[in-house]
């Protein structure tokens, strides 16, 4: 691992952090928020079934999950900058392919492109960019970089929608791709290509099989897979849950409120975490979200539902940024990148099915009470699992 610098003297490191922030804005804005936009637009324009488009989106996330685990080896061979630029190009090509699909089968090459691009701009990629530059200040640096994910989701959803309404789906895809390549690639080449100074040998990384058999890894991976399943599933159905109480306009605003709370919660944890127990912080984060989920399940009226959105939102961002910070404490420097990549890949493979399963629960029960209480239960189990894992750290 590089000898991490701290404070204002680490100017190159902080430039890398803000570059990672920009990568996250576009990565999440296209690779994470884009699929939700595609569902509505492609259904409206082509009349394809929601189930067909949703299946392609699940494929997008599964392709990404399969490739994220390969990122550490790719970084060692080609470097973070080159892999990231490849991810930007694939993400942009994927946006063009999704928005120009004229037949349903064309969603297959689209999801292959976008899934590969999303893998190289995901949380594992952000950690690979930032982690080598920081040791003590890593929580702050990670929180800033990952806040780009929340900003991307906050900005891109309305911008996608407005542009599609004004210019059409296909021109919007080309415009997004052009802007992404023009802005992100030069930044990546300029600030990610140089390696951090003072690198020291950390030994060869452990085989993936050894990491997967480690109880510390297992408890962290299971906890965050449960938490991400709950989070993504609730997110996918939040507007539908709130519309009967809030109306469509205010329900959409509630999504923005959750995103803003995610930025605040991640920033606050990044500044306060320091040397505190990171697993206990993760357990507390899950429990805060569980309280919010219970309010969203059982609340009736503006006040309890708004508080539910706030509590849920405060923990949203930390589910992405905490695994790299826990891994930093519990694993050798040579293994951290692989651990983070494996955790994120497993998370993504699990949460890809969350929207469909929560939708099925809602249809079977006739309301979101059972589905959202199930989410709260999973978040409680995640808290218990990550805290129990302290004995193996």
Protein backbone atom coordinates (compact mmCIF):
# COMPACT_ATOMS: atom_id res chain seq x y z
CA UNK A 1 0.00 0.00 0.00
CA UNK A 2 1.16 3.52 -0.65
CA UNK A 3 2.38 5.53 2.27
CA UNK A 4 -0.76 7.51 2.88
CA UNK A 5 -0.44 11.20 3.42
CA UNK A 6 -2.86 13.21 5.51
CA UNK A 7 -4.06 16.74 5.76
CA UNK A 8 -3.61 19.59 3.33
CA UNK A 9 -0.19 18.33 2.25
CA UNK A 10 -1.82 15.48 0.35
CA UNK A 11 -2.98 17.68 -2.50
CA UNK A 12 -2.68 15.02 -5.15
CA UNK A 13 -4.75 12.68 -3.02
CA UNK A 14 -7.56 15.20 -2.61
CA UNK A 15 -7.54 15.84 -6.36
CA UNK A 16 -8.05 12.10 -6.80
CA UNK A 17 -10.95 12.26 -4.33
CA UNK A 18 -12.73 14.96 -6.33
CA UNK A 19 -12.05 13.09 -9.56
CA UNK A 20 -13.64 10.03 -7.97
CA UNK A 21 -16.56 12.25 -6.94
CA UNK A 22 -17.11 13.20 -10.60
CA UNK A 23 -16.82 9.55 -11.69
CA UNK A 24 -19.46 8.68 -9.09
CA UNK A 25 -21.80 11.45 -10.29
CA UNK A 26 -21.83 10.07 -13.82
CA UNK A 27 -21.48 6.41 -12.84
CA UNK A 28 -24.50 6.43 -10.53
CA UNK A 29 -26.41 8.94 -12.63
CA UNK A 30 -26.24 6.64 -15.67
CA UNK A 31 -25.51 3.15 -14.35
CA UNK A 32 -27.74 3.24 -11.28
CA UNK A 33 -30.45 5.84 -11.94
CA UNK A 34 -30.58 5.35 -15.71
CA UNK A 35 -32.29 1.93 -15.61
CA UNK A 36 -35.25 3.40 -13.73
CA UNK A 37 -35.61 6.01 -16.45
CA UNK A 38 -35.38 3.38 -19.19
CA UNK A 39 -38.29 1.39 -17.75
CA UNK A 40 -40.80 4.22 -18.04
CA UNK A 41 -39.48 5.60 -21.34
CA UNK A 42 -39.18 2.31 -23.24
CA UNK A 43 -42.56 1.11 -21.98
CA UNK A 44 -44.21 4.36 -23.06
CA UNK A 45 -42.50 4.60 -26.47
CA UNK A 46 -42.44 0.96 -27.60
CA UNK A 47 -45.15 -0.62 -25.47
CA UNK A 48 -42.80 -3.32 -24.22
CA UNK A 49 -43.92 -4.95 -21.00
CA UNK A 50 -42.53 -3.67 -17.71
CA UNK A 51 -41.53 -7.26 -16.92
CA UNK A 52 -39.40 -7.54 -20.07
CA UNK A 53 -37.58 -4.25 -19.46
CA UNK A 54 -37.15 -5.05 -15.76
CA UNK A 55 -35.60 -8.40 -16.66
CA UNK A 56 -33.05 -6.60 -18.83
CA UNK A 57 -32.26 -4.25 -15.93
CA UNK A 58 -31.73 -7.23 -13.63
CA UNK A 59 -29.35 -8.52 -16.31
CA UNK A 60 -27.52 -5.17 -16.26
CA UNK A 61 -26.85 -5.50 -12.53
CA UNK A 62 -25.93 -9.19 -12.71
CA UNK A 63 -23.40 -8.56 -15.50
CA UNK A 64 -21.88 -5.84 -13.37
CA UNK A 65 -21.80 -8.10 -10.31
CA UNK A 66 -19.95 -10.77 -12.27
CA UNK A 67 -17.32 -8.29 -13.47
CA UNK A 68 -16.75 -6.33 -10.25
CA UNK A 69 -14.98 -9.29 -8.69
CA UNK A 70 -12.45 -9.18 -11.54
CA UNK A 71 -11.58 -5.50 -11.05
CA UNK A 72 -8.62 -5.93 -8.64
CA UNK A 73 -6.79 -8.17 -11.14
CA UNK A 74 -7.58 -5.74 -13.97
CA UNK A 75 -6.26 -2.81 -11.94
CA UNK A 76 -3.02 -4.63 -11.19
CA UNK A 77 -2.52 -5.38 -14.88
CA UNK A 78 -3.73 -2.21 -16.61
CA UNK A 79 -4.00 0.45 -13.90
CA UNK A 80 -6.99 2.24 -12.38
CA UNK A 81 -7.03 5.08 -14.92
CA UNK A 82 -7.20 2.87 -18.01
CA UNK A 83 -9.88 0.60 -16.58
CA UNK A 84 -11.93 3.62 -15.49
CA UNK A 85 -11.71 5.22 -18.92
CA UNK A 86 -12.83 1.92 -20.42
CA UNK A 87 -15.74 1.95 -18.00
CA UNK A 88 -16.70 5.49 -19.02
CA UNK A 89 -16.69 4.52 -22.70
CA UNK A 90 -18.74 1.37 -22.06
CA UNK A 91 -21.21 3.26 -19.88
CA UNK A 92 -21.66 5.89 -22.57
CA UNK A 93 -22.09 3.25 -25.27
CA UNK A 94 -24.60 1.50 -23.06
CA UNK A 95 -26.64 4.68 -22.64
CA UNK A 96 -26.77 5.05 -26.42
CA UNK A 97 -27.72 1.40 -26.86
CA UNK A 98 -30.54 1.52 -24.28
CA UNK A 99 -32.04 4.72 -25.64
CA UNK A 100 -31.84 3.62 -29.28
CA UNK A 101 -33.20 0.10 -28.90
CA UNK A 102 -35.98 -0.48 -31.43
CA UNK A 103 -36.64 -4.15 -30.67
CA UNK A 104 -36.67 -5.90 -27.32
CA UNK A 105 -33.77 -8.22 -28.21
CA UNK A 106 -31.54 -5.15 -28.59
CA UNK A 107 -31.72 -4.71 -24.82
CA UNK A 108 -29.31 -7.66 -24.53
CA UNK A 109 -26.27 -5.89 -26.08
CA UNK A 110 -27.36 -2.74 -24.25
CA UNK A 111 -27.29 -4.43 -20.85
CA UNK A 112 -23.93 -6.07 -21.61
CA UNK A 113 -22.39 -2.67 -22.39
CA UNK A 114 -23.99 -0.80 -19.52
CA UNK A 115 -23.35 -3.59 -17.00
CA UNK A 116 -19.65 -3.70 -17.87
CA UNK A 117 -19.41 0.08 -17.66
CA UNK A 118 -21.24 0.25 -14.34
CA UNK A 119 -18.81 -2.31 -12.87
CA UNK A 120 -15.85 -0.02 -13.63
CA UNK A 121 -17.56 3.07 -12.13
CA UNK A 122 -19.09 1.41 -9.06
CA UNK A 123 -18.19 1.56 -5.39
CA UNK A 124 -15.34 -0.92 -5.83
CA UNK A 125 -13.85 1.40 -8.44
CA UNK A 126 -14.16 4.46 -6.19
CA UNK A 127 -12.40 2.63 -3.39
CA UNK A 128 -9.58 1.59 -5.73
CA UNK A 129 -9.11 5.22 -6.75
CA UNK A 130 -9.09 6.77 -3.28
CA UNK A 131 -7.82 4.17 -0.81
CA UNK A 132 -4.11 4.11 -1.81
CA UNK A 133 -3.80 7.84 -1.07
CA UNK A 134 -5.15 7.85 2.49
CA UNK A 135 -4.85 6.09 5.81
CA UNK A 136 -6.08 8.20 8.75
CA UNK A 137 -8.20 10.51 6.57
CA UNK A 138 -9.70 7.67 4.56
CA UNK A 139 -13.21 7.97 6.11
CA UNK A 140 -13.39 11.63 5.06
CA UNK A 141 -11.98 10.92 1.61
CA UNK A 142 -14.29 7.95 1.01
CA UNK A 143 -17.33 9.92 2.17
CA UNK A 144 -16.58 12.78 -0.25
CA UNK A 145 -15.98 10.45 -3.19
CA UNK A 146 -19.12 8.41 -2.52
CA UNK A 147 -21.22 11.55 -2.10
CA UNK A 148 -20.88 11.87 -5.85
CA UNK A 149 -23.16 8.83 -6.06
CA UNK A 150 -25.93 10.62 -4.17
CA UNK A 151 -25.43 13.80 -6.16
CA UNK A 152 -25.56 11.82 -9.41
CA UNK A 153 -28.83 10.16 -8.47
CA UNK A 154 -30.25 13.49 -7.29
CA UNK A 155 -29.32 15.37 -10.47
CA UNK A 156 -29.64 12.82 -13.23
CA UNK A 157 -33.17 11.58 -12.58
CA UNK A 158 -34.89 14.94 -13.23
CA UNK A 159 -32.40 15.86 -15.99
CA UNK A 160 -32.99 12.56 -17.79
CA UNK A 161 -36.75 13.03 -17.55
CA UNK A 162 -36.73 16.67 -18.69
CA UNK A 163 -34.42 15.99 -21.62
CA UNK A 164 -36.44 12.98 -22.80
CA UNK A 165 -39.63 15.06 -22.63
CA UNK A 166 -38.06 17.94 -24.59
CA UNK A 167 -35.66 16.26 -27.04
CA UNK A 168 -36.72 12.61 -27.12
CA UNK A 169 -35.17 9.41 -25.85
CA UNK A 170 -32.58 8.78 -28.57
CA UNK A 171 -31.09 12.32 -28.67
CA UNK A 172 -30.92 12.31 -24.87
CA UNK A 173 -28.88 9.10 -24.92
CA UNK A 174 -26.39 10.56 -27.37
CA UNK A 175 -26.16 13.83 -25.41
CA UNK A 176 -25.55 12.07 -22.09
CA UNK A 177 -22.88 9.86 -23.67
CA UNK A 178 -21.10 12.82 -25.28
CA UNK A 179 -21.06 14.89 -22.09
CA UNK A 180 -19.87 11.94 -20.03
CA UNK A 181 -16.92 11.13 -22.28
CA UNK A 182 -15.96 14.78 -22.74
CA UNK A 183 -15.95 15.61 -19.01
CA UNK A 184 -14.88 12.44 -17.26
CA UNK A 185 -12.16 10.95 -19.48
CA UNK A 186 -9.79 13.95 -19.35
CA UNK A 187 -10.15 14.19 -15.56
CA UNK A 188 -9.44 10.51 -15.12
CA UNK A 189 -6.39 10.61 -17.38
CA UNK A 190 -5.01 13.72 -15.68
CA UNK A 191 -5.50 12.80 -12.02
CA UNK A 192 -5.78 9.01 -11.80
CA UNK A 193 -2.90 8.03 -14.05
CA UNK A 194 -0.15 9.12 -11.60
CA UNK A 195 0.41 6.55 -8.85
CA UNK A 196 0.62 7.62 -5.18
CA UNK A 197 4.17 8.11 -4.03
CA UNK A 198 5.99 6.07 -1.45
CA UNK A 199 4.52 2.74 -2.45
CA UNK A 200 5.62 -0.18 -0.35
CA UNK A 201 5.29 -3.89 -0.94
CA UNK A 202 2.33 -5.37 0.88
CA UNK A 203 2.85 -8.95 -0.24
CA UNK A 204 0.78 -10.94 -2.71
CA UNK A 205 -3.00 -10.91 -2.25
CA UNK A 206 -4.73 -13.92 -0.75
CA UNK A 207 -6.75 -16.16 -3.08
CA UNK A 208 -10.43 -15.31 -3.28
CA UNK A 209 -11.31 -18.70 -1.81
CA UNK A 210 -9.38 -17.89 1.37
CA UNK A 211 -11.13 -14.53 1.71
CA UNK A 212 -14.57 -16.05 1.13
CA UNK A 213 -13.90 -18.58 3.90
CA UNK A 214 -12.90 -15.85 6.39
CA UNK A 215 -15.63 -15.33 9.01
CA UNK A 216 -14.90 -11.61 9.17
CA UNK A 217 -15.54 -11.36 5.44
CA UNK A 218 -18.64 -13.57 5.66
CA UNK A 219 -20.30 -11.51 8.40
CA UNK A 220 -19.55 -8.25 6.61
CA UNK A 221 -20.72 -9.56 3.23
CA UNK A 222 -23.94 -11.09 4.58
CA UNK A 223 -24.80 -7.97 6.58
CA UNK A 224 -24.36 -5.57 3.69
CA UNK A 225 -26.06 -7.90 1.20
CA UNK A 226 -29.12 -7.94 3.48
CA UNK A 227 -28.93 -4.19 3.94
CA UNK A 228 -28.56 -3.44 0.24
CA UNK A 229 -31.39 -5.83 -0.67
CA UNK A 230 -33.63 -3.98 1.80
CA UNK A 231 -32.47 -0.56 0.64
CA UNK A 232 -32.79 -1.10 -3.11
CA UNK A 233 -36.12 -2.85 -2.73
CA UNK A 234 -37.56 -0.04 -0.62
CA UNK A 235 -36.16 2.62 -2.95
CA UNK A 236 -37.80 0.98 -5.96
CA UNK A 237 -41.23 1.16 -4.33
CA UNK A 238 -40.94 4.32 -2.26
CA UNK A 239 -42.79 6.63 -4.65
CA UNK A 240 -45.60 4.12 -5.07
CA UNK A 241 -45.85 3.85 -1.27
CA UNK A 242 -45.94 7.61 -0.70
CA UNK A 243 -48.21 8.71 -3.56
CA UNK A 244 -51.51 7.85 -1.81
CA UNK A 245 -50.53 10.07 1.14
CA UNK A 246 -48.43 12.75 -0.54
CA UNK A 247 -49.54 12.92 -4.17
CA UNK A 248 -47.17 12.30 -7.07
CA UNK A 249 -45.31 15.64 -6.97
CA UNK A 250 -44.48 15.56 -3.26
CA UNK A 251 -43.72 11.84 -3.39
CA UNK A 252 -41.07 12.57 -6.04
CA UNK A 253 -39.69 15.33 -3.81
CA UNK A 254 -39.40 12.77 -1.01
CA UNK A 255 -36.87 10.88 -3.16
CA UNK A 256 -34.79 14.06 -3.32
CA UNK A 257 -35.10 14.40 0.46
CA UNK A 258 -33.77 10.86 0.90
CA UNK A 259 -30.83 11.64 -1.41
CA UNK A 260 -30.01 14.82 0.51
CA UNK A 261 -30.16 12.94 3.80
CA UNK A 262 -27.82 10.33 2.30
CA UNK A 263 -25.24 13.02 1.56
CA UNK A 264 -25.58 14.47 5.06
CA UNK A 265 -25.43 11.08 6.78
CA UNK A 266 -22.38 9.92 4.83
CA UNK A 267 -20.54 13.22 5.37
CA UNK A 268 -21.32 13.24 9.09
CA UNK A 269 -20.10 9.67 9.55
CA UNK A 270 -16.98 10.38 7.52
CA UNK A 271 -16.01 13.24 9.80
CA UNK A 272 -16.95 11.57 13.09
CA UNK A 273 -15.86 7.97 12.53
CA UNK A 274 -12.10 8.43 12.96
CA UNK A 275 -10.84 5.54 15.13
CA UNK A 276 -14.24 4.42 16.41
CA UNK A 277 -15.49 0.87 15.91
CA UNK A 278 -16.64 0.70 12.29
CA UNK A 279 -18.76 -2.41 12.72
CA UNK A 280 -20.72 -0.80 15.56
CA UNK A 281 -21.18 2.26 13.37
CA UNK A 282 -22.54 0.00 10.62
CA UNK A 283 -24.90 -1.73 13.08
CA UNK A 284 -26.22 1.64 14.27
CA UNK A 285 -26.67 2.71 10.65
CA UNK A 286 -28.78 -0.39 9.89
CA UNK A 287 -30.93 0.20 12.97
CA UNK A 288 -31.58 3.84 12.03
CA UNK A 289 -32.73 2.65 8.62
CA UNK A 290 -34.88 -0.05 10.23
CA UNK A 291 -36.65 2.60 12.32
CA UNK A 292 -37.31 4.59 9.16
CA UNK A 293 -38.61 1.51 7.34
CA UNK A 294 -41.04 0.75 10.18
CA UNK A 295 -42.41 4.29 9.99
CA UNK A 296 -42.77 3.96 6.22
CA UNK A 297 -44.58 0.66 6.69
CA UNK A 298 -46.99 1.71 9.44
CA UNK A 299 -47.02 5.52 9.27
CA UNK A 300 -50.19 7.34 8.39
CA UNK A 301 -49.89 10.99 7.44
CA UNK A 302 -47.21 13.47 6.45
CA UNK A 303 -45.19 13.70 9.65
CA UNK A 304 -44.40 10.01 10.35
CA UNK A 305 -43.78 9.28 6.67
CA UNK A 306 -41.44 12.26 6.34
CA UNK A 307 -39.53 11.20 9.45
CA UNK A 308 -39.35 7.71 7.97
CA UNK A 309 -37.82 9.10 4.78
CA UNK A 310 -35.27 11.08 6.79
CA UNK A 311 -34.21 8.14 8.98
CA UNK A 312 -34.00 5.80 6.01
CA UNK A 313 -32.09 8.39 3.98
CA UNK A 314 -29.51 9.11 6.70
CA UNK A 315 -28.22 5.57 6.33
CA UNK A 316 -28.46 5.19 2.55
CA UNK A 317 -25.05 6.51 1.61
CA UNK A 318 -23.16 4.69 4.35
CA UNK A 319 -24.06 1.27 2.97
CA UNK A 320 -21.70 2.02 0.08
CA UNK A 321 -18.92 3.72 2.02
CA UNK A 322 -18.69 1.56 5.17
CA UNK A 323 -17.51 -1.75 3.61
CA UNK A 324 -14.21 -0.22 2.36
CA UNK A 325 -13.63 1.33 5.79
CA UNK A 326 -14.30 -1.93 7.64
CA UNK A 327 -12.08 -3.81 5.20
CA UNK A 328 -9.28 -1.30 5.77
CA UNK A 329 -9.23 -2.18 9.47
CA UNK A 330 -9.65 -5.93 9.24
CA UNK A 331 -7.64 -7.05 6.21
CA UNK A 332 -4.13 -6.65 4.86
CA UNK A 333 -3.60 -3.77 2.47
CA UNK A 334 -2.95 -6.24 -0.36
CA UNK A 335 -6.40 -7.79 0.16
CA UNK A 336 -8.58 -4.73 0.78
CA UNK A 337 -9.35 -4.08 -2.88
CA UNK A 338 -10.37 -7.68 -3.48
CA UNK A 339 -12.48 -7.77 -0.30
CA UNK A 340 -14.34 -4.61 -1.27
CA UNK A 341 -14.89 -5.81 -4.83
CA UNK A 342 -16.25 -9.16 -3.64
CA UNK A 343 -18.59 -7.53 -1.10
CA UNK A 344 -19.98 -5.14 -3.71
CA UNK A 345 -20.32 -7.89 -6.32
CA UNK A 346 -22.26 -10.09 -3.89
CA UNK A 347 -24.40 -7.13 -2.84
CA UNK A 348 -25.30 -6.37 -6.42
CA UNK A 349 -26.11 -9.97 -7.29
CA UNK A 350 -28.47 -10.08 -4.30
CA UNK A 351 -30.17 -6.68 -4.62
CA UNK A 352 -30.84 -7.16 -8.34
CA UNK A 353 -33.87 -9.24 -7.32
CA UNK A 354 -35.13 -6.94 -4.55
CA UNK A 355 -37.58 -4.77 -6.53
CA UNK A 356 -39.34 -7.80 -8.00
CA UNK A 357 -39.62 -9.61 -4.65
CA UNK A 358 -40.97 -6.58 -2.80
CA UNK A 359 -43.40 -5.99 -5.64
CA UNK A 360 -44.63 -9.56 -5.33
CA UNK A 361 -45.13 -9.14 -1.57
CA UNK A 362 -47.06 -5.97 -2.19
CA UNK A 363 -49.34 -7.66 -4.74
CA UNK A 364 -49.94 -10.68 -2.51
CA UNK A 365 -50.77 -8.63 0.60
CA UNK A 366 -52.50 -5.69 -1.08
CA UNK A 367 -50.34 -3.05 0.64
CA UNK A 368 -46.73 -2.20 1.42
CA UNK A 369 -47.01 -2.97 5.14
CA UNK A 370 -45.72 -6.54 4.90
CA UNK A 371 -43.03 -5.66 2.34
CA UNK A 372 -41.63 -2.72 4.31
CA UNK A 373 -41.78 -4.57 7.64
CA UNK A 374 -39.81 -7.30 5.88
CA UNK A 375 -37.27 -4.64 4.90
CA UNK A 376 -37.00 -3.52 8.54
CA UNK A 377 -36.49 -7.12 9.65
CA UNK A 378 -33.65 -7.59 7.15
CA UNK A 379 -32.03 -4.37 8.38
CA UNK A 380 -32.24 -5.63 11.97
CA UNK A 381 -30.63 -8.92 10.94
CA UNK A 382 -27.91 -6.97 9.12
CA UNK A 383 -27.17 -4.97 12.29
CA UNK A 384 -26.90 -8.13 14.38
CA UNK A 385 -24.71 -9.87 11.80
CA UNK A 386 -22.21 -7.06 11.34
CA UNK A 387 -21.94 -6.54 15.11
CA UNK A 388 -21.46 -10.28 15.73
CA UNK A 389 -18.60 -10.22 13.25
CA UNK A 390 -16.53 -8.08 15.67
CA UNK A 391 -15.32 -11.30 17.31
CA UNK A 392 -13.57 -12.26 14.06
CA UNK A 393 -11.97 -8.88 13.33
